[in-house]
Structure formats: C-alpha cells, structure tokens
Amino acid sequence: MAVLSLPSLLLASLAGCGFASRQGNYSSVANAFPQLNNLYLYPPSNSRERGHQNFTHCCLLAVNASLICNNGVIEKTPGSFIQGGVDEFIDASERGQFPCGATFDGNASGAPVVEVPYKWLVKMCPGWELVQPSEFARWTQPLAGFVLPAIVFCKRVLDALAICLNTANSLRRLNHTTKEKT
C-alpha cells in the first residue's frame, strides 16, 4: 500500500481530476467543498508560540487529507479521518453542516465527525488555540460549569469539617470538665 504524504494529498485534491456521473462531475475536492479552496494561500500563523493554533484550519487539513477526486467522484483516502460515507458528507455540507466550524441548527444528525489521531494532531497542528475576548461564553463556561461548583463543594466540605472539629473539641472539654467534678 502506497503511503501518501499530506502535501501530496493536498496537491492531488486541488488538481483537476476528470469527470464522472454520480456526484456531479467534480473537477477537484475543492470543487465539491468550497471551504477547501485556497487552503494553502491563507494559513493561520505558523508560529508555535502560545495561542497561535487554529483548529478550524486543522479540521480543513484533515478533511482535505481524507478525500480525493477520482474521475469526478469524491472518495475517501485510505486512513480517512471522516466518519461515515462520502455521500453523507456531501449532503451535510450542502445542508450547511460542513464539520469545520459547523453550528447546531436544530437538526439532530448534525455535522459529520472528523476525528484525527493524536499523533497526527501533534504533528500537523501543534499548540493550542487562544480564545478571543469576544468569545466570552467559550472561556467562562468552564469556569461557571466546573471551577465555581468545585469551590462551593470544597467550602461545604471544609465547613462540615470545621463543625466536626468544633463538636469534637466541645465533647473533649465536656469530658474533661466531667472528670474534674468527680
């Protein structure tokens, strides 16, 4: 089995690929999925400094590496990162549910899943993404959903511990006082 590198897959998917009848005679993967147009022309900062990751761009790279155009038909590559079939992927994209940057629209089926192995992610998309201040809910939700309840829980545990210690001290004093009287 021939192993293709990501750059060769990207170049192959952007190149013309002939015509077929099933999927609309696509000339390239980017023709089928406009989100993949100019994928290399406008990459995010290649800086490996903190916060310069762009997971939408990484998702586009994974999608592009997962598909090829073969005689006008979009097909999955060996080791594709896309779960489900190509036709479902095309249908979801046409419904506005392309997985990279999709938002919930009330449809329970949602966007197709693109899942990459950790090794691929570290190699192709190292680092982490900085959340913009305008995306307030994105960074306050973990705070409100986990950190604050954890603090309240810990405070309750400490309060209960303090009550137990106070009760134990009171009992000790009472026991000591009772022994002195006898």
N, C-alpha and C. Protein backbone atom coordinates (compact mmCIF):
# COMPACT_ATOMS: atom_id res chain seq x y z
N MET A 1 0.84 -1.17 0.00
CA MET A 1 0.00 0.00 0.00
C MET A 1 0.89 1.24 0.00
N ALA A 2 0.65 2.12 -0.93
CA ALA A 2 1.45 3.34 -1.03
C ALA A 2 0.98 4.33 0.03
N VAL A 3 1.92 4.97 0.69
CA VAL A 3 1.60 5.97 1.69
C VAL A 3 1.84 7.34 1.07
N LEU A 4 0.81 8.16 1.07
CA LEU A 4 0.93 9.50 0.51
C LEU A 4 1.11 10.49 1.65
N SER A 5 1.97 11.44 1.44
CA SER A 5 2.17 12.47 2.46
C SER A 5 1.04 13.49 2.35
N LEU A 6 0.83 14.26 3.41
CA LEU A 6 -0.22 15.27 3.41
C LEU A 6 -0.04 16.27 2.27
N PRO A 7 1.18 16.81 2.02
CA PRO A 7 1.32 17.75 0.90
C PRO A 7 0.92 17.13 -0.44
N SER A 8 1.28 15.87 -0.67
CA SER A 8 0.91 15.28 -1.96
C SER A 8 -0.59 15.06 -2.04
N LEU A 9 -1.23 14.73 -0.91
CA LEU A 9 -2.68 14.59 -0.92
C LEU A 9 -3.35 15.93 -1.18
N LEU A 10 -2.82 16.98 -0.56
CA LEU A 10 -3.39 18.30 -0.77
C LEU A 10 -3.26 18.73 -2.22
N LEU A 11 -2.09 18.52 -2.77
CA LEU A 11 -1.89 18.90 -4.16
C LEU A 11 -2.77 18.07 -5.08
N ALA A 12 -2.91 16.78 -4.78
CA ALA A 12 -3.74 15.92 -5.62
C ALA A 12 -5.20 16.34 -5.54
N SER A 13 -5.64 16.75 -4.35
CA SER A 13 -7.04 17.11 -4.22
C SER A 13 -7.35 18.46 -4.86
N LEU A 14 -6.35 19.32 -4.97
CA LEU A 14 -6.57 20.61 -5.60
C LEU A 14 -6.41 20.55 -7.11
N ALA A 15 -5.77 19.52 -7.60
CA ALA A 15 -5.59 19.38 -9.05
C ALA A 15 -6.87 18.87 -9.68
N GLY A 16 -7.05 19.06 -10.97
CA GLY A 16 -8.22 18.56 -11.68
C GLY A 16 -8.22 17.04 -11.67
N CYS A 17 -9.44 16.46 -11.75
CA CYS A 17 -9.49 15.01 -11.64
C CYS A 17 -10.48 14.36 -12.60
N GLY A 18 -10.88 15.00 -13.64
CA GLY A 18 -11.74 14.34 -14.62
C GLY A 18 -13.21 14.46 -14.29
N PHE A 19 -14.02 13.53 -14.83
CA PHE A 19 -15.46 13.62 -14.69
C PHE A 19 -16.08 12.26 -14.45
N ALA A 20 -17.21 12.23 -13.75
CA ALA A 20 -17.99 11.02 -13.52
C ALA A 20 -19.45 11.42 -13.45
N SER A 21 -20.32 10.49 -13.14
CA SER A 21 -21.73 10.82 -13.18
C SER A 21 -22.39 10.94 -11.81
N ARG A 22 -22.00 10.18 -10.79
CA ARG A 22 -22.71 10.11 -9.52
C ARG A 22 -22.78 11.43 -8.77
N GLN A 23 -21.69 12.05 -8.52
CA GLN A 23 -21.66 13.17 -7.58
C GLN A 23 -21.65 14.53 -8.24
N GLY A 24 -21.84 14.64 -9.49
CA GLY A 24 -21.93 15.95 -10.10
C GLY A 24 -20.70 16.35 -10.89
N ASN A 25 -19.92 15.38 -11.27
CA ASN A 25 -18.77 15.66 -12.13
C ASN A 25 -17.82 16.67 -11.50
N TYR A 26 -17.38 16.41 -10.31
CA TYR A 26 -16.46 17.31 -9.64
C TYR A 26 -15.12 17.31 -10.34
N SER A 27 -14.53 18.47 -10.41
CA SER A 27 -13.21 18.58 -11.03
C SER A 27 -12.11 18.48 -9.98
N SER A 28 -12.44 18.67 -8.71
CA SER A 28 -11.47 18.57 -7.62
C SER A 28 -12.22 18.45 -6.30
N VAL A 29 -11.51 18.11 -5.25
CA VAL A 29 -12.12 18.06 -3.92
C VAL A 29 -12.58 19.46 -3.53
N ALA A 30 -11.78 20.45 -3.85
CA ALA A 30 -12.14 21.84 -3.52
C ALA A 30 -13.37 22.28 -4.30
N ASN A 31 -13.61 21.69 -5.47
CA ASN A 31 -14.82 21.99 -6.24
C ASN A 31 -16.05 21.45 -5.51
N ALA A 32 -15.92 20.31 -4.87
CA ALA A 32 -17.02 19.72 -4.11
C ALA A 32 -17.23 20.43 -2.77
N PHE A 33 -16.14 20.89 -2.17
CA PHE A 33 -16.19 21.54 -0.86
C PHE A 33 -15.47 22.88 -0.96
N PRO A 34 -16.18 23.95 -1.23
CA PRO A 34 -15.55 25.26 -1.40
C PRO A 34 -14.75 25.73 -0.18
N GLN A 35 -15.06 25.17 0.98
CA GLN A 35 -14.32 25.54 2.19
C GLN A 35 -12.84 25.19 2.07
N LEU A 36 -12.52 24.27 1.16
CA LEU A 36 -11.13 23.85 0.98
C LEU A 36 -10.38 24.68 -0.06
N ASN A 37 -11.08 25.60 -0.72
CA ASN A 37 -10.41 26.48 -1.68
C ASN A 37 -9.35 27.31 -0.98
N ASN A 38 -8.23 27.51 -1.64
CA ASN A 38 -7.14 28.36 -1.13
C ASN A 38 -6.65 27.93 0.26
N LEU A 39 -6.68 26.65 0.52
CA LEU A 39 -6.29 26.17 1.84
C LEU A 39 -4.86 26.56 2.20
N TYR A 40 -3.96 26.56 1.21
CA TYR A 40 -2.58 26.94 1.49
C TYR A 40 -2.32 28.42 1.32
N LEU A 41 -3.22 29.13 0.68
CA LEU A 41 -2.99 30.55 0.44
C LEU A 41 -3.17 31.39 1.69
N TYR A 42 -4.06 30.98 2.59
CA TYR A 42 -4.33 31.79 3.78
C TYR A 42 -4.25 30.96 5.06
N PRO A 43 -3.10 30.32 5.29
CA PRO A 43 -2.99 29.53 6.52
C PRO A 43 -2.88 30.45 7.73
N PRO A 44 -3.23 29.94 8.91
CA PRO A 44 -3.04 30.76 10.11
C PRO A 44 -1.55 30.91 10.37
N SER A 45 -1.22 31.72 11.33
CA SER A 45 0.18 31.93 11.69
C SER A 45 0.84 30.59 11.95
N ASN A 46 2.03 30.40 11.39
CA ASN A 46 2.77 29.17 11.63
C ASN A 46 3.57 29.23 12.91
N SER A 47 3.41 30.30 13.64
CA SER A 47 4.14 30.47 14.89
C SER A 47 3.78 29.37 15.87
N ARG A 48 4.76 28.84 16.56
CA ARG A 48 4.49 27.82 17.57
C ARG A 48 4.41 28.45 18.96
N GLU A 49 4.24 29.76 19.00
CA GLU A 49 4.08 30.43 20.27
C GLU A 49 2.72 30.07 20.86
N ARG A 50 2.56 30.37 22.13
CA ARG A 50 1.32 30.05 22.81
C ARG A 50 0.12 30.75 22.13
N GLY A 51 -0.94 29.97 21.93
CA GLY A 51 -2.19 30.54 21.47
C GLY A 51 -2.34 30.76 19.98
N HIS A 52 -1.41 30.29 19.17
CA HIS A 52 -1.50 30.56 17.73
C HIS A 52 -2.08 29.39 16.93
N GLN A 53 -2.70 28.45 17.60
CA GLN A 53 -3.33 27.33 16.92
C GLN A 53 -4.67 27.79 16.32
N ASN A 54 -5.09 27.13 15.25
CA ASN A 54 -6.40 27.41 14.65
C ASN A 54 -7.00 26.05 14.30
N PHE A 55 -7.89 25.57 15.14
CA PHE A 55 -8.43 24.22 14.96
C PHE A 55 -9.38 24.13 13.77
N THR A 56 -9.95 25.23 13.34
CA THR A 56 -10.75 25.19 12.11
C THR A 56 -9.84 24.88 10.93
N HIS A 57 -8.68 25.51 10.88
CA HIS A 57 -7.72 25.23 9.81
C HIS A 57 -7.24 23.78 9.88
N CYS A 58 -7.00 23.28 11.09
CA CYS A 58 -6.59 21.88 11.26
C CYS A 58 -7.67 20.93 10.77
N CYS A 59 -8.92 21.25 11.05
CA CYS A 59 -10.03 20.44 10.58
C CYS A 59 -10.06 20.43 9.05
N LEU A 60 -9.85 21.59 8.43
CA LEU A 60 -9.82 21.67 6.96
C LEU A 60 -8.68 20.81 6.41
N LEU A 61 -7.53 20.84 7.06
CA LEU A 61 -6.42 19.99 6.62
C LEU A 61 -6.79 18.51 6.71
N ALA A 62 -7.46 18.13 7.79
CA ALA A 62 -7.86 16.73 7.97
C ALA A 62 -8.87 16.31 6.92
N VAL A 63 -9.84 17.17 6.63
CA VAL A 63 -10.84 16.86 5.60
C VAL A 63 -10.15 16.72 4.26
N ASN A 64 -9.29 17.67 3.94
CA ASN A 64 -8.61 17.66 2.65
C ASN A 64 -7.71 16.43 2.49
N ALA A 65 -7.09 15.99 3.59
CA ALA A 65 -6.24 14.81 3.53
C ALA A 65 -7.06 13.52 3.45
N SER A 66 -8.36 13.61 3.75
CA SER A 66 -9.22 12.44 3.79
C SER A 66 -9.95 12.15 2.49
N LEU A 67 -9.91 13.09 1.55
CA LEU A 67 -10.69 12.94 0.33
C LEU A 67 -9.82 13.11 -0.91
N ILE A 68 -10.19 12.39 -1.96
CA ILE A 68 -9.56 12.56 -3.26
C ILE A 68 -10.66 12.60 -4.31
N CYS A 69 -10.32 13.15 -5.45
CA CYS A 69 -11.24 13.17 -6.57
C CYS A 69 -10.72 12.16 -7.59
N ASN A 70 -11.53 11.17 -7.88
CA ASN A 70 -11.14 10.11 -8.80
C ASN A 70 -12.16 10.04 -9.93
N ASN A 71 -11.76 10.50 -11.10
CA ASN A 71 -12.66 10.53 -12.26
C ASN A 71 -13.97 11.25 -11.97
N GLY A 72 -13.87 12.37 -11.27
CA GLY A 72 -15.04 13.19 -10.98
C GLY A 72 -15.82 12.79 -9.75
N VAL A 73 -15.43 11.71 -9.11
CA VAL A 73 -16.13 11.22 -7.93
C VAL A 73 -15.24 11.45 -6.71
N ILE A 74 -15.84 12.02 -5.67
CA ILE A 74 -15.12 12.23 -4.42
C ILE A 74 -15.10 10.92 -3.65
N GLU A 75 -13.90 10.50 -3.23
CA GLU A 75 -13.73 9.25 -2.50
C GLU A 75 -12.88 9.50 -1.26
N LYS A 76 -13.04 8.62 -0.28
CA LYS A 76 -12.21 8.69 0.92
C LYS A 76 -10.86 8.06 0.63
N THR A 77 -9.83 8.65 1.21
CA THR A 77 -8.48 8.10 1.09
C THR A 77 -8.33 6.95 2.10
N PRO A 78 -7.37 6.07 1.88
CA PRO A 78 -7.09 5.06 2.91
C PRO A 78 -6.69 5.78 4.21
N GLY A 79 -7.25 5.38 5.31
CA GLY A 79 -6.95 6.03 6.58
C GLY A 79 -7.67 7.36 6.74
N SER A 80 -8.77 7.54 6.05
CA SER A 80 -9.54 8.79 6.11
C SER A 80 -9.94 9.13 7.54
N PHE A 81 -10.00 10.41 7.84
CA PHE A 81 -10.37 10.88 9.17
C PHE A 81 -11.88 11.15 9.27
N ILE A 82 -12.60 10.96 8.17
CA ILE A 82 -14.03 11.25 8.12
C ILE A 82 -14.81 10.00 8.49
N GLN A 83 -15.69 10.14 9.47
CA GLN A 83 -16.56 9.02 9.83
C GLN A 83 -17.81 9.09 8.97
N GLY A 84 -18.26 7.95 8.49
CA GLY A 84 -19.43 7.92 7.61
C GLY A 84 -19.00 7.94 6.16
N GLY A 85 -19.98 7.91 5.29
CA GLY A 85 -19.70 7.86 3.86
C GLY A 85 -19.53 9.22 3.23
N VAL A 86 -18.97 9.23 2.04
CA VAL A 86 -18.73 10.47 1.30
C VAL A 86 -20.05 11.13 0.92
N ASP A 87 -21.04 10.33 0.50
CA ASP A 87 -22.33 10.91 0.11
C ASP A 87 -22.99 11.64 1.27
N GLU A 88 -22.93 11.05 2.47
CA GLU A 88 -23.47 11.73 3.65
C GLU A 88 -22.69 13.00 3.95
N PHE A 89 -21.39 12.95 3.71
CA PHE A 89 -20.55 14.13 3.93
C PHE A 89 -20.94 15.25 2.97
N ILE A 90 -21.15 14.89 1.71
CA ILE A 90 -21.56 15.88 0.71
C ILE A 90 -22.93 16.44 1.05
N ASP A 91 -23.87 15.56 1.43
CA ASP A 91 -25.22 16.02 1.79
C ASP A 91 -25.18 16.98 2.98
N ALA A 92 -24.41 16.63 4.00
CA ALA A 92 -24.31 17.51 5.17
C ALA A 92 -23.71 18.85 4.80
N SER A 93 -22.71 18.83 3.94
CA SER A 93 -22.09 20.08 3.50
C SER A 93 -23.09 20.95 2.75
N GLU A 94 -23.90 20.32 1.91
CA GLU A 94 -24.91 21.07 1.16
C GLU A 94 -26.00 21.63 2.07
N ARG A 95 -26.23 20.99 3.23
CA ARG A 95 -27.19 21.49 4.22
C ARG A 95 -26.58 22.57 5.11
N GLY A 96 -25.33 22.93 4.86
CA GLY A 96 -24.66 23.93 5.69
C GLY A 96 -24.02 23.33 6.93
N GLN A 97 -23.82 22.02 6.94
CA GLN A 97 -23.23 21.37 8.10
C GLN A 97 -21.86 20.78 7.78
N PHE A 98 -21.04 21.58 7.09
CA PHE A 98 -19.64 21.19 6.89
C PHE A 98 -19.01 21.15 8.27
N PRO A 99 -18.28 20.10 8.62
CA PRO A 99 -17.87 19.90 10.01
C PRO A 99 -16.93 20.96 10.59
N CYS A 100 -16.14 21.60 9.78
CA CYS A 100 -15.17 22.57 10.30
C CYS A 100 -15.87 23.90 10.52
N GLY A 101 -16.24 24.16 11.75
CA GLY A 101 -16.91 25.40 12.08
C GLY A 101 -18.42 25.31 12.06
N ALA A 102 -18.98 24.10 12.00
CA ALA A 102 -20.44 23.94 11.97
C ALA A 102 -21.05 24.40 13.29
N THR A 103 -22.28 24.88 13.21
CA THR A 103 -23.03 25.25 14.41
C THR A 103 -24.33 24.47 14.41
N PHE A 104 -24.89 24.27 15.59
CA PHE A 104 -26.12 23.50 15.72
C PHE A 104 -27.27 24.27 15.10
N ASP A 105 -28.02 23.60 14.22
CA ASP A 105 -29.14 24.24 13.54
C ASP A 105 -30.47 23.58 13.87
N GLY A 106 -30.50 22.76 14.91
CA GLY A 106 -31.72 22.08 15.30
C GLY A 106 -31.84 20.69 14.72
N ASN A 107 -31.00 20.35 13.74
CA ASN A 107 -31.03 19.03 13.13
C ASN A 107 -30.24 18.07 14.00
N ALA A 108 -30.88 17.02 14.47
CA ALA A 108 -30.23 16.08 15.39
C ALA A 108 -29.07 15.34 14.74
N SER A 109 -29.10 15.19 13.41
CA SER A 109 -28.00 14.47 12.75
C SER A 109 -26.71 15.29 12.76
N GLY A 110 -26.83 16.60 12.77
CA GLY A 110 -25.66 17.47 12.89
C GLY A 110 -24.64 17.33 11.77
N ALA A 111 -23.44 17.76 12.06
CA ALA A 111 -22.34 17.72 11.10
C ALA A 111 -21.62 16.38 11.18
N PRO A 112 -21.02 15.96 10.08
CA PRO A 112 -20.23 14.72 10.11
C PRO A 112 -19.04 14.87 11.06
N VAL A 113 -18.58 13.75 11.57
CA VAL A 113 -17.46 13.75 12.51
C VAL A 113 -16.15 13.61 11.74
N VAL A 114 -15.21 14.47 12.07
CA VAL A 114 -13.84 14.37 11.55
C VAL A 114 -12.98 14.14 12.78
N GLU A 115 -12.34 12.97 12.82
CA GLU A 115 -11.56 12.59 14.00
C GLU A 115 -10.17 12.17 13.57
N VAL A 116 -9.17 12.86 14.13
CA VAL A 116 -7.78 12.56 13.79
C VAL A 116 -7.08 11.93 14.98
N PRO A 117 -6.09 11.08 14.72
CA PRO A 117 -5.31 10.53 15.83
C PRO A 117 -4.45 11.61 16.48
N TYR A 118 -4.15 11.41 17.75
CA TYR A 118 -3.37 12.38 18.49
C TYR A 118 -2.02 12.66 17.82
N LYS A 119 -1.36 11.61 17.33
CA LYS A 119 -0.06 11.80 16.68
C LYS A 119 -0.16 12.73 15.48
N TRP A 120 -1.23 12.59 14.70
CA TRP A 120 -1.44 13.46 13.53
C TRP A 120 -1.65 14.89 13.99
N LEU A 121 -2.47 15.06 15.01
CA LEU A 121 -2.76 16.40 15.52
C LEU A 121 -1.51 17.10 16.02
N VAL A 122 -0.68 16.38 16.77
CA VAL A 122 0.54 16.98 17.30
C VAL A 122 1.50 17.33 16.17
N LYS A 123 1.56 16.48 15.17
CA LYS A 123 2.48 16.73 14.05
C LYS A 123 1.99 17.87 13.16
N MET A 124 0.71 17.87 12.81
CA MET A 124 0.18 18.83 11.85
C MET A 124 -0.30 20.12 12.50
N CYS A 125 -0.74 20.05 13.73
CA CYS A 125 -1.36 21.21 14.38
C CYS A 125 -0.91 21.34 15.82
N PRO A 126 0.38 21.54 16.05
CA PRO A 126 0.84 21.62 17.44
C PRO A 126 0.35 22.90 18.12
N GLY A 127 0.29 22.86 19.42
CA GLY A 127 -0.05 24.06 20.18
C GLY A 127 -1.49 24.08 20.62
N TRP A 128 -1.94 25.25 21.01
CA TRP A 128 -3.30 25.42 21.48
C TRP A 128 -3.85 26.72 20.91
N GLU A 129 -5.17 26.80 20.89
CA GLU A 129 -5.83 27.96 20.29
C GLU A 129 -6.20 28.98 21.35
N LEU A 130 -5.87 30.21 21.11
CA LEU A 130 -6.22 31.30 22.01
C LEU A 130 -7.67 31.70 21.79
N VAL A 131 -8.44 31.79 22.84
CA VAL A 131 -9.83 32.20 22.75
C VAL A 131 -9.87 33.72 22.73
N GLN A 132 -10.63 34.25 21.81
CA GLN A 132 -10.75 35.71 21.69
C GLN A 132 -11.65 36.25 22.79
N PRO A 133 -11.36 37.46 23.29
CA PRO A 133 -12.21 38.04 24.34
C PRO A 133 -13.67 38.16 23.91
N SER A 134 -13.91 38.31 22.61
CA SER A 134 -15.29 38.43 22.12
C SER A 134 -16.06 37.12 22.28
N GLU A 135 -15.34 36.01 22.45
CA GLU A 135 -15.98 34.71 22.65
C GLU A 135 -16.09 34.43 24.15
N PHE A 136 -16.72 35.37 24.85
CA PHE A 136 -16.80 35.37 26.31
C PHE A 136 -17.33 34.04 26.86
N ALA A 137 -18.41 33.54 26.28
CA ALA A 137 -19.04 32.31 26.81
C ALA A 137 -18.12 31.11 26.68
N ARG A 138 -17.25 31.13 25.67
CA ARG A 138 -16.39 29.98 25.43
C ARG A 138 -15.37 29.76 26.55
N TRP A 139 -14.94 30.85 27.19
CA TRP A 139 -13.98 30.65 28.27
C TRP A 139 -14.60 30.81 29.64
N THR A 140 -15.81 31.38 29.74
CA THR A 140 -16.46 31.47 31.05
C THR A 140 -17.27 30.23 31.37
N GLN A 141 -17.70 29.48 30.37
CA GLN A 141 -18.49 28.29 30.61
C GLN A 141 -17.75 27.26 31.46
N PRO A 142 -16.46 26.95 31.16
CA PRO A 142 -15.76 26.02 32.05
C PRO A 142 -15.62 26.58 33.47
N LEU A 143 -15.44 27.88 33.57
CA LEU A 143 -15.32 28.49 34.90
C LEU A 143 -16.62 28.30 35.68
N ALA A 144 -17.74 28.64 35.07
CA ALA A 144 -19.02 28.54 35.75
C ALA A 144 -19.47 27.09 35.91
N GLY A 145 -19.12 26.25 34.96
CA GLY A 145 -19.60 24.88 34.99
C GLY A 145 -18.77 23.92 35.83
N PHE A 146 -17.52 24.26 36.09
CA PHE A 146 -16.68 23.34 36.84
C PHE A 146 -16.00 24.00 38.04
N VAL A 147 -15.31 25.09 37.81
CA VAL A 147 -14.49 25.67 38.87
C VAL A 147 -15.35 26.20 40.02
N LEU A 148 -16.38 26.97 39.72
CA LEU A 148 -17.21 27.52 40.80
C LEU A 148 -17.91 26.42 41.61
N PRO A 149 -18.54 25.43 40.95
CA PRO A 149 -19.12 24.34 41.76
C PRO A 149 -18.07 23.60 42.60
N ALA A 150 -16.86 23.45 42.07
CA ALA A 150 -15.81 22.78 42.83
C ALA A 150 -15.44 23.60 44.07
N ILE A 151 -15.40 24.90 43.93
CA ILE A 151 -15.09 25.76 45.08
C ILE A 151 -16.20 25.67 46.12
N VAL A 152 -17.46 25.70 45.67
CA VAL A 152 -18.59 25.60 46.60
C VAL A 152 -18.55 24.25 47.32
N PHE A 153 -18.27 23.17 46.58
CA PHE A 153 -18.20 21.84 47.19
C PHE A 153 -17.09 21.81 48.24
N CYS A 154 -15.92 22.31 47.89
CA CYS A 154 -14.80 22.31 48.84
C CYS A 154 -15.12 23.13 50.09
N LYS A 155 -15.78 24.27 49.90
CA LYS A 155 -16.16 25.10 51.04
C LYS A 155 -17.12 24.34 51.94
N ARG A 156 -18.08 23.63 51.36
CA ARG A 156 -19.03 22.85 52.17
C ARG A 156 -18.30 21.74 52.94
N VAL A 157 -17.36 21.11 52.29
CA VAL A 157 -16.59 20.06 52.97
C VAL A 157 -15.79 20.67 54.12
N LEU A 158 -15.17 21.82 53.87
CA LEU A 158 -14.40 22.48 54.94
C LEU A 158 -15.31 22.93 56.07
N ASP A 159 -16.51 23.44 55.74
CA ASP A 159 -17.46 23.84 56.78
C ASP A 159 -17.87 22.63 57.62
N ALA A 160 -18.15 21.51 56.96
CA ALA A 160 -18.53 20.29 57.68
C ALA A 160 -17.38 19.81 58.56
N LEU A 161 -16.17 19.90 58.05
CA LEU A 161 -15.00 19.50 58.83
C LEU A 161 -14.84 20.41 60.05
N ALA A 162 -15.06 21.70 59.87
CA ALA A 162 -14.96 22.64 60.99
C ALA A 162 -16.01 22.33 62.04
N ILE A 163 -17.23 22.00 61.62
CA ILE A 163 -18.29 21.66 62.56
C ILE A 163 -17.90 20.41 63.34
N CYS A 164 -17.35 19.41 62.63
CA CYS A 164 -16.92 18.18 63.30
C CYS A 164 -15.83 18.47 64.32
N LEU A 165 -14.86 19.31 63.95
CA LEU A 165 -13.78 19.64 64.87
C LEU A 165 -14.29 20.41 66.08
N ASN A 166 -15.21 21.34 65.83
CA ASN A 166 -15.78 22.10 66.96
C ASN A 166 -16.55 21.17 67.89
N THR A 167 -17.31 20.25 67.31
CA THR A 167 -18.07 19.29 68.12
C THR A 167 -17.12 18.41 68.93
N ALA A 168 -16.05 17.94 68.29
CA ALA A 168 -15.07 17.10 68.99
C ALA A 168 -14.41 17.87 70.12
N ASN A 169 -14.05 19.13 69.89
CA ASN A 169 -13.44 19.95 70.94
C ASN A 169 -14.42 20.18 72.09
N SER A 170 -15.67 20.43 71.76
CA SER A 170 -16.69 20.64 72.81
C SER A 170 -16.87 19.39 73.64
N LEU A 171 -16.91 18.24 72.98
CA LEU A 171 -17.05 16.98 73.71
C LEU A 171 -15.83 16.71 74.60
N ARG A 172 -14.65 17.04 74.10
CA ARG A 172 -13.43 16.86 74.89
C ARG A 172 -13.46 17.75 76.13
N ARG A 173 -13.88 19.01 75.94
CA ARG A 173 -13.96 19.93 77.08
C ARG A 173 -15.00 19.44 78.08
N LEU A 174 -16.15 18.97 77.56
CA LEU A 174 -17.20 18.48 78.43
C LEU A 174 -16.72 17.25 79.21
N ASN A 175 -16.03 16.36 78.53
CA ASN A 175 -15.49 15.16 79.17
C ASN A 175 -14.46 15.56 80.21
N HIS A 176 -13.60 16.51 79.91
CA HIS A 176 -12.57 16.97 80.85
C HIS A 176 -13.22 17.60 82.08
N THR A 177 -14.26 18.42 81.88
CA THR A 177 -14.96 19.07 82.97
C THR A 177 -15.66 18.03 83.86
N THR A 178 -16.24 17.02 83.24
CA THR A 178 -16.94 15.97 83.98
C THR A 178 -15.95 15.19 84.83
N LYS A 179 -14.76 14.91 84.35
CA LYS A 179 -13.75 14.18 85.12
C LYS A 179 -13.26 15.00 86.31
N GLU A 180 -13.15 16.33 86.14
CA GLU A 180 -12.68 17.17 87.25
C GLU A 180 -13.69 17.20 88.39
N LYS A 181 -15.02 17.13 88.08
CA LYS A 181 -16.05 17.19 89.09
C LYS A 181 -16.14 15.90 89.89
N THR A 182 -15.68 14.81 89.34
CA THR A 182 -15.79 13.54 90.04
C THR A 182 -14.58 13.19 90.79
